[in-house]
Amino acid sequence: MTYLDEAATSPVRRQVLEAMWPWLVRDFANPASSHEAGASARRGLDDARARIARALGGRPGEVVLTSGGTEADNLAVKGIALAEPRGRHLLVSAVEHPAVLESAAFLARTGFEVELLPVDGDGLVRPEVLAAALRDDTTLVSVQLANNEVGTVQPVAELAAVAAGRGVPFHTDAVQAAPWQRLDVAALGVRALSLSGHKLGTPKGVGALWLHRRQPVEPLVHGGGQQRGLRSGTEDVAGAVGLATALELVGPVAAAEVAARRDRFVARVLAGVPGARLTGHPTRRLPGHASFVLPGTSGESVLVDLDARGIACSSGSACAAGRSDPSHVLTAMGFEAEVAQTAVRFSFGAATSEAELDHAADTLVQVVTGV
């Protein structure tokens, strides 16, 4: 199998598993316990939290460990909106992950006014569009750093600066961007940032929310008061260690090399598949992400045929699996519903070879054209 669906989940990295192993089989105690075994687990947890913070350019006390990106998004969007006293107006981009959109929809049912920020044909939120939408009662702005379906990378630093100029907290979902770039919360200018480990090479079920130390937030998970009461529940020490290790393995060299292979792959697909169109920004996109619409085909049928030939990819967000509706991302970008339903997404990592991508492009051409 040629696995080209890393935007859905990435293979677990050996270095991550090796780092996690001692905390699963030896230092497995509850980090809240007062005995030495518990104290050992606490030291491991504290060290992992400090490493995660260092990788993000933040402080250990600003890291809230979660079960993944979805929980981190929920805590950021609901928690900040419910804690902010300034108003009940929420701005989120029209192309956000369902974890953000559904959190906003929940708030709308409780009396918040939710406004979707439009995007252009490349999937970008323009700073001037955000500036025009901000109001005195805007509670929160949430715009993802990179899109999971089309790979567009948003100008988050510019957008966050616009929001900061009006005193409005800014959250970014960095789940898809984290495997490709070192994240610096100060440079981005955000007040909250979400992560998910399984896009970085950890097992599923671990994530984090970086939350500025002075940002008010209403906890969503109540219980024993762990993590300063921001997210109760016994912490996953091994998961925290794995996330810290995965973040430390991110490097710019791999991203540049993968981007070159991506461009070659895109060129082969566009040259070989009549009518194929690249979706997302042509250059401001994730290095390991190539998504297309294939007018005149059925995206799901293409996926089935590719899978039968050993190519694993997807039609968009794995979190929307089983739905027949056209992608909300593509329709927000201006694609007609019937064209949006022909979408196919290929996402890959540093270990994916040029030969594998060439094979995938050739196989796609065969599936679509029959040649």
Protein backbone atom coordinates (compact mmCIF):
# COMPACT_ATOMS: atom_id res chain seq x y z
CA MET A 1 0.00 0.00 0.00
CA THR A 2 1.07 3.55 -0.78
CA TYR A 3 -0.29 5.57 2.13
CA LEU A 4 -1.16 9.13 1.12
CA ASP A 5 -3.61 10.11 3.86
CA GLU A 6 -1.39 11.62 6.55
CA ALA A 7 -3.69 14.62 6.95
CA ALA A 8 -6.12 12.10 8.48
CA THR A 9 -3.49 10.40 10.62
CA SER A 10 0.24 9.83 10.34
CA PRO A 11 2.23 6.68 11.07
CA VAL A 12 3.48 6.48 14.65
CA ARG A 13 7.18 7.37 14.73
CA ARG A 14 9.61 4.90 16.26
CA GLN A 15 11.38 7.65 18.26
CA VAL A 16 8.05 8.63 19.77
CA LEU A 17 7.17 5.08 20.79
CA GLU A 18 10.59 4.54 22.33
CA ALA A 19 10.27 7.75 24.33
CA MET A 20 6.79 6.75 25.55
CA TRP A 21 7.59 3.15 26.44
CA PRO A 22 9.13 3.64 29.93
CA TRP A 23 6.09 5.68 31.00
CA LEU A 24 3.78 2.85 29.95
CA VAL A 25 5.57 -0.12 31.54
CA ARG A 26 7.79 1.25 34.36
CA ASP A 27 6.81 4.76 35.49
CA PHE A 28 3.11 4.17 35.00
CA ALA A 29 1.81 5.55 38.30
CA ASN A 30 -0.73 8.34 38.66
CA PRO A 31 1.21 11.63 38.66
CA ALA A 32 -1.10 12.96 41.38
CA SER A 33 -0.17 10.18 43.84
CA SER A 34 2.07 11.13 46.76
CA HIS A 35 4.30 8.03 46.77
CA GLU A 36 7.64 7.88 44.96
CA ALA A 37 6.17 6.10 41.93
CA GLY A 38 3.68 8.92 41.57
CA ALA A 39 6.39 11.54 42.07
CA SER A 40 8.44 9.92 39.30
CA ALA A 41 5.46 10.12 36.96
CA ARG A 42 4.95 13.77 37.99
CA ARG A 43 8.57 14.60 37.12
CA GLY A 44 8.11 12.99 33.70
CA LEU A 45 4.89 14.92 33.14
CA ASP A 46 6.44 18.23 34.19
CA ASP A 47 9.42 17.67 31.93
CA ALA A 48 7.16 16.81 28.96
CA ARG A 49 5.03 19.88 29.56
CA ALA A 50 8.15 22.08 29.67
CA ARG A 51 9.39 20.55 26.40
CA ILE A 52 6.03 21.13 24.68
CA ALA A 53 6.05 24.73 25.87
CA ARG A 54 9.61 25.22 24.67
CA ALA A 55 8.72 23.86 21.23
CA LEU A 56 5.92 26.43 21.01
CA GLY A 57 7.83 29.34 22.48
CA GLY A 58 5.54 29.45 25.52
CA ARG A 59 5.63 28.65 29.23
CA PRO A 60 4.91 25.26 30.85
CA GLY A 61 1.93 26.65 32.75
CA GLU A 62 0.34 27.68 29.47
CA VAL A 63 0.10 24.10 28.14
CA VAL A 64 -3.18 22.26 28.72
CA LEU A 65 -2.97 18.58 27.77
CA THR A 66 -6.05 17.20 26.01
CA SER A 67 -7.26 14.05 24.29
CA GLY A 68 -6.56 15.58 20.85
CA GLY A 69 -7.17 18.50 18.55
CA THR A 70 -10.95 18.29 18.76
CA GLU A 71 -10.97 18.70 22.54
CA ALA A 72 -8.36 21.47 22.30
CA ASP A 73 -10.53 23.33 19.77
CA ASN A 74 -13.62 22.90 21.94
CA LEU A 75 -11.83 24.24 25.02
CA ALA A 76 -10.45 27.20 23.10
CA VAL A 77 -13.64 28.23 21.32
CA LYS A 78 -16.22 27.48 24.01
CA GLY A 79 -13.95 28.16 26.96
CA ILE A 80 -12.70 31.57 25.82
CA ALA A 81 -16.10 32.71 24.53
CA LEU A 82 -17.81 31.77 27.78
CA ALA A 83 -15.14 33.45 29.91
CA GLU A 84 -14.73 36.70 27.97
CA PRO A 85 -16.90 39.51 29.36
CA ARG A 86 -16.74 41.79 26.32
CA GLY A 87 -19.64 40.43 24.29
CA ARG A 88 -21.29 37.50 22.53
CA HIS A 89 -20.14 37.91 18.93
CA LEU A 90 -17.91 35.17 17.50
CA LEU A 91 -15.96 35.20 14.23
CA VAL A 92 -14.74 31.93 12.68
CA SER A 93 -13.59 31.28 9.15
CA ALA A 94 -15.97 29.47 6.82
CA VAL A 95 -13.37 26.74 6.15
CA GLU A 96 -12.63 25.68 9.75
CA HIS A 97 -12.42 22.09 10.93
CA PRO A 98 -15.74 20.73 12.24
CA ALA A 99 -14.34 20.85 15.79
CA VAL A 100 -14.34 24.65 15.57
CA LEU A 101 -17.52 25.02 13.51
CA GLU A 102 -19.56 22.73 15.74
CA SER A 103 -18.24 24.44 18.88
CA ALA A 104 -19.36 27.75 17.39
CA ALA A 105 -22.73 26.22 16.49
CA PHE A 106 -23.16 25.13 20.10
CA LEU A 107 -22.47 28.67 21.28
CA ALA A 108 -25.00 29.98 18.76
CA ARG A 109 -27.63 27.77 20.40
CA THR A 110 -26.83 29.40 23.74
CA GLY A 111 -27.29 32.95 22.48
CA PHE A 112 -24.00 33.88 20.82
CA GLU A 113 -24.03 35.50 17.40
CA VAL A 114 -21.71 33.50 15.14
CA GLU A 115 -20.43 35.06 11.92
CA LEU A 116 -18.50 33.10 9.30
CA LEU A 117 -15.56 34.91 7.75
CA PRO A 118 -15.59 34.39 3.97
CA VAL A 119 -12.56 33.17 2.05
CA ASP A 120 -11.33 33.83 -1.47
CA GLY A 121 -10.98 31.24 -4.23
CA ASP A 122 -7.70 30.00 -2.75
CA GLY A 123 -9.23 29.53 0.70
CA LEU A 124 -7.58 32.58 2.31
CA VAL A 125 -9.12 34.89 4.88
CA ARG A 126 -8.04 38.42 3.98
CA PRO A 127 -6.95 40.73 6.84
CA GLU A 128 -9.15 43.53 5.50
CA VAL A 129 -12.16 41.19 5.60
CA LEU A 130 -11.49 40.40 9.25
CA ALA A 131 -10.96 44.08 10.07
CA ALA A 132 -14.35 44.95 8.57
CA ALA A 133 -16.09 42.17 10.50
CA LEU A 134 -14.71 42.99 13.97
CA ARG A 135 -17.07 44.70 16.38
CA ASP A 136 -16.82 46.17 19.85
CA ASP A 137 -18.64 43.10 21.19
CA THR A 138 -16.55 40.50 19.31
CA THR A 139 -15.56 37.85 21.85
CA LEU A 140 -13.17 35.65 19.86
CA VAL A 141 -11.71 35.12 16.39
CA SER A 142 -10.78 31.57 15.33
CA VAL A 143 -8.93 30.96 12.05
CA GLN A 144 -6.92 27.80 11.40
CA LEU A 145 -3.23 27.98 10.54
CA ALA A 146 -3.59 25.48 7.70
CA ASN A 147 -6.60 23.81 6.14
CA ASN A 148 -7.02 20.05 6.41
CA GLU A 149 -8.86 19.65 3.09
CA VAL A 150 -7.07 21.94 0.63
CA GLY A 151 -3.80 22.69 2.44
CA THR A 152 -4.01 26.49 2.30
CA VAL A 153 -1.84 28.21 4.93
CA GLN A 154 -3.52 31.27 6.41
CA PRO A 155 -1.75 34.59 7.18
CA VAL A 156 -2.40 34.04 10.87
CA ALA A 157 0.19 36.51 12.16
CA GLU A 158 -1.43 39.30 10.12
CA LEU A 159 -4.94 38.26 11.12
CA ALA A 160 -4.03 37.98 14.80
CA ALA A 161 -2.48 41.46 14.69
CA VAL A 162 -5.74 42.85 13.31
CA ALA A 163 -7.69 41.21 16.13
CA ALA A 164 -5.18 42.32 18.76
CA GLY A 165 -5.55 45.89 17.56
CA ARG A 166 -9.18 45.71 18.68
CA GLY A 167 -8.36 43.78 21.88
CA VAL A 168 -10.00 40.55 20.63
CA PRO A 169 -8.50 37.14 21.53
CA PHE A 170 -7.38 35.05 18.53
CA HIS A 171 -7.33 31.23 18.44
CA THR A 172 -5.72 29.16 15.71
CA ASP A 173 -6.11 25.46 15.02
CA ALA A 174 -2.53 24.46 14.16
CA VAL A 175 -3.21 20.72 13.91
CA GLN A 176 -2.31 20.41 10.22
CA ALA A 177 0.56 22.93 10.28
CA ALA A 178 2.39 21.47 13.28
CA PRO A 179 4.09 18.59 11.40
CA TRP A 180 5.69 21.06 8.98
CA GLN A 181 6.86 24.11 10.84
CA ARG A 182 8.22 25.14 14.19
CA LEU A 183 5.42 27.00 15.88
CA ASP A 184 6.14 30.23 17.75
CA VAL A 185 3.11 31.55 19.56
CA ALA A 186 4.72 34.96 20.10
CA ALA A 187 5.52 35.37 16.40
CA LEU A 188 2.01 34.26 15.47
CA GLY A 189 0.52 36.69 17.98
CA VAL A 190 -2.26 34.30 19.04
CA ARG A 191 -3.85 33.83 22.47
CA ALA A 192 -4.59 30.13 21.98
CA LEU A 193 -3.29 27.35 19.71
CA SER A 194 -4.51 23.77 19.26
CA LEU A 195 -2.43 20.66 18.53
CA SER A 196 -3.10 16.98 17.86
CA GLY A 197 -0.41 14.35 18.35
CA HIS A 198 -1.55 11.80 15.78
CA LYS A 199 -0.79 14.21 12.92
CA LEU A 200 2.78 14.42 14.26
CA GLY A 201 3.55 10.73 14.74
CA THR A 202 2.10 9.92 18.18
CA PRO A 203 -0.63 7.38 18.88
CA LYS A 204 -4.16 8.74 18.67
CA GLY A 205 -5.67 10.29 21.78
CA VAL A 206 -3.22 13.03 22.80
CA GLY A 207 -3.22 16.73 22.06
CA ALA A 208 -2.68 20.09 23.67
CA LEU A 209 -4.00 23.61 23.87
CA TRP A 210 -1.49 26.40 24.37
CA LEU A 211 -3.33 29.15 26.22
CA HIS A 212 -1.81 32.53 27.03
CA ARG A 213 -1.30 32.83 30.77
CA ARG A 214 -3.52 35.91 31.01
CA GLN A 215 -6.30 34.58 28.80
CA PRO A 216 -9.51 33.80 30.75
CA VAL A 217 -11.08 30.44 29.90
CA GLU A 218 -14.03 28.50 31.27
CA PRO A 219 -13.13 24.81 31.85
CA LEU A 220 -15.25 22.25 30.02
CA VAL A 221 -14.09 19.14 31.89
CA HIS A 222 -14.64 19.26 35.65
CA GLY A 223 -13.41 16.89 38.30
CA GLY A 224 -10.28 16.63 40.42
CA GLY A 225 -8.83 19.99 39.43
CA GLN A 226 -5.80 18.75 37.50
CA GLN A 227 -3.98 21.18 35.21
CA ARG A 228 -4.87 24.17 37.38
CA GLY A 229 -8.54 23.26 37.05
CA LEU A 230 -8.51 23.99 33.31
CA ARG A 231 -8.90 20.34 32.32
CA SER A 232 -9.60 17.83 35.07
CA GLY A 233 -8.69 14.18 34.74
CA THR A 234 -5.58 12.07 35.28
CA GLU A 235 -2.94 13.21 32.81
CA ASP A 236 -1.55 10.84 30.19
CA VAL A 237 2.16 10.99 31.03
CA ALA A 238 3.25 8.75 28.18
CA GLY A 239 1.13 10.73 25.72
CA ALA A 240 2.64 14.01 26.91
CA VAL A 241 6.14 12.59 26.48
CA GLY A 242 5.22 11.38 23.00
CA LEU A 243 3.83 14.76 21.99
CA ALA A 244 6.93 16.56 23.28
CA THR A 245 9.18 14.18 21.35
CA ALA A 246 7.15 14.53 18.15
CA LEU A 247 7.26 18.34 18.30
CA GLU A 248 11.03 18.25 18.73
CA LEU A 249 11.38 16.14 15.58
CA VAL A 250 9.79 18.79 13.34
CA GLY A 251 12.34 20.37 11.02
CA PRO A 252 12.31 22.83 8.08
CA VAL A 253 14.64 20.76 5.86
CA ALA A 254 12.15 17.92 5.54
CA ALA A 255 9.38 20.38 4.70
CA ALA A 256 11.38 21.90 1.83
CA GLU A 257 12.21 18.49 0.38
CA VAL A 258 8.62 17.29 0.60
CA ALA A 259 7.34 20.48 -1.04
CA ALA A 260 9.58 19.82 -4.04
CA ARG A 261 8.18 16.30 -4.39
CA ARG A 262 4.65 17.68 -3.99
CA ASP A 263 5.14 20.15 -6.84
CA ARG A 264 6.35 17.37 -9.14
CA PHE A 265 3.33 15.25 -8.17
CA VAL A 266 0.89 18.13 -8.79
CA ALA A 267 2.41 18.78 -12.21
CA ARG A 268 2.06 15.11 -13.22
CA VAL A 269 -1.58 14.97 -12.15
CA LEU A 270 -2.55 18.22 -13.89
CA ALA A 271 -0.76 17.13 -17.07
CA GLY A 272 -2.30 13.65 -17.09
CA VAL A 273 -5.89 14.12 -15.92
CA PRO A 274 -8.05 16.21 -18.28
CA GLY A 275 -9.88 18.97 -16.43
CA ALA A 276 -8.18 18.34 -13.07
CA ARG A 277 -7.82 21.47 -10.91
CA LEU A 278 -5.60 21.98 -7.90
CA THR A 279 -7.60 23.25 -4.91
CA GLY A 280 -6.16 25.59 -2.32
CA HIS A 281 -3.49 28.24 -2.70
CA PRO A 282 -0.88 27.30 -5.34
CA THR A 283 2.10 28.26 -3.15
CA ARG A 284 0.81 29.08 0.36
CA ARG A 285 0.04 25.46 1.11
CA LEU A 286 1.25 22.61 3.27
CA PRO A 287 4.36 20.85 1.90
CA GLY A 288 2.81 17.37 1.91
CA HIS A 289 -0.63 18.25 0.62
CA ALA A 290 -2.07 18.06 -2.91
CA SER A 291 -5.83 18.21 -3.41
CA PHE A 292 -7.79 18.26 -6.64
CA VAL A 293 -11.26 18.38 -8.07
CA LEU A 294 -11.84 16.07 -11.02
CA PRO A 295 -14.94 17.36 -12.86
CA GLY A 296 -16.94 14.66 -14.58
CA THR A 297 -15.96 11.97 -12.06
CA SER A 298 -17.22 10.75 -8.71
CA GLY A 299 -14.66 11.48 -6.03
CA GLU A 300 -15.77 8.50 -3.94
CA SER A 301 -15.58 6.15 -6.94
CA VAL A 302 -12.08 7.37 -7.71
CA LEU A 303 -11.08 6.69 -4.11
CA VAL A 304 -12.48 3.16 -4.25
CA ASP A 305 -10.62 2.44 -7.49
CA LEU A 306 -7.37 3.88 -6.11
CA ASP A 307 -7.73 1.84 -2.94
CA ALA A 308 -8.21 -1.31 -5.00
CA ARG A 309 -4.89 -0.49 -6.68
CA GLY A 310 -3.07 0.03 -3.38
CA ILE A 311 -3.28 3.84 -3.12
CA ALA A 312 -4.77 5.12 0.16
CA CYS A 313 -6.02 8.73 0.03
CA SER A 314 -9.24 10.56 0.86
CA SER A 315 -11.88 12.95 -0.43
CA GLY A 316 -11.40 15.53 2.33
CA SER A 317 -11.71 15.62 6.09
CA ALA A 318 -11.72 12.22 7.78
CA CYS A 319 -13.97 13.82 10.40
CA ALA A 320 -16.68 14.07 7.73
CA ALA A 321 -16.42 10.42 6.71
CA GLY A 322 -19.68 8.82 5.66
CA ARG A 323 -21.32 12.10 4.67
CA SER A 324 -22.55 12.65 1.13
CA ASP A 325 -22.71 16.44 1.39
CA PRO A 326 -20.22 18.44 -0.68
CA SER A 327 -17.24 19.82 1.20
CA HIS A 328 -18.07 23.01 3.09
CA VAL A 329 -14.49 24.12 2.45
CA LEU A 330 -14.79 23.88 -1.33
CA THR A 331 -18.24 25.45 -1.50
CA ALA A 332 -16.99 28.34 0.66
CA MET A 333 -14.18 28.76 -1.89
CA GLY A 334 -16.74 29.11 -4.69
CA PHE A 335 -16.86 25.60 -6.13
CA GLU A 336 -20.23 24.35 -7.28
CA ALA A 337 -21.61 21.47 -5.20
CA GLU A 338 -21.32 18.90 -8.01
CA VAL A 339 -17.68 19.84 -8.61
CA ALA A 340 -16.89 19.79 -4.89
CA GLN A 341 -18.08 16.19 -4.74
CA THR A 342 -15.30 15.17 -7.15
CA ALA A 343 -12.56 16.13 -4.64
CA VAL A 344 -9.58 13.88 -3.97
CA ARG A 345 -6.89 14.67 -1.39
CA PHE A 346 -3.36 13.26 -1.26
CA SER A 347 -1.34 14.00 1.88
CA PHE A 348 2.06 12.58 2.70
CA GLY A 349 5.13 12.91 4.88
CA ALA A 350 8.89 13.03 4.70
CA ALA A 351 9.13 9.26 4.32
CA THR A 352 7.01 9.24 1.14
CA SER A 353 9.32 8.77 -1.82
CA GLU A 354 9.24 10.43 -5.22
CA ALA A 355 8.73 6.99 -6.77
CA GLU A 356 5.62 6.41 -4.65
CA LEU A 357 4.19 9.76 -5.70
CA ASP A 358 4.96 9.09 -9.36
CA HIS A 359 3.18 5.75 -9.05
CA ALA A 360 0.19 7.41 -7.40
CA ALA A 361 -0.03 10.06 -10.13
CA ASP A 362 0.18 7.44 -12.88
CA THR A 363 -2.45 5.31 -11.16
CA LEU A 364 -4.81 8.28 -10.81
CA VAL A 365 -4.43 9.02 -14.52
CA GLN A 366 -5.27 5.37 -15.33
CA VAL A 367 -8.31 5.37 -13.05
CA VAL A 368 -9.76 8.60 -14.45
CA THR A 369 -8.90 8.20 -18.14
CA GLY A 370 -8.89 4.42 -18.43
CA VAL A 371 -5.56 4.63 -20.25
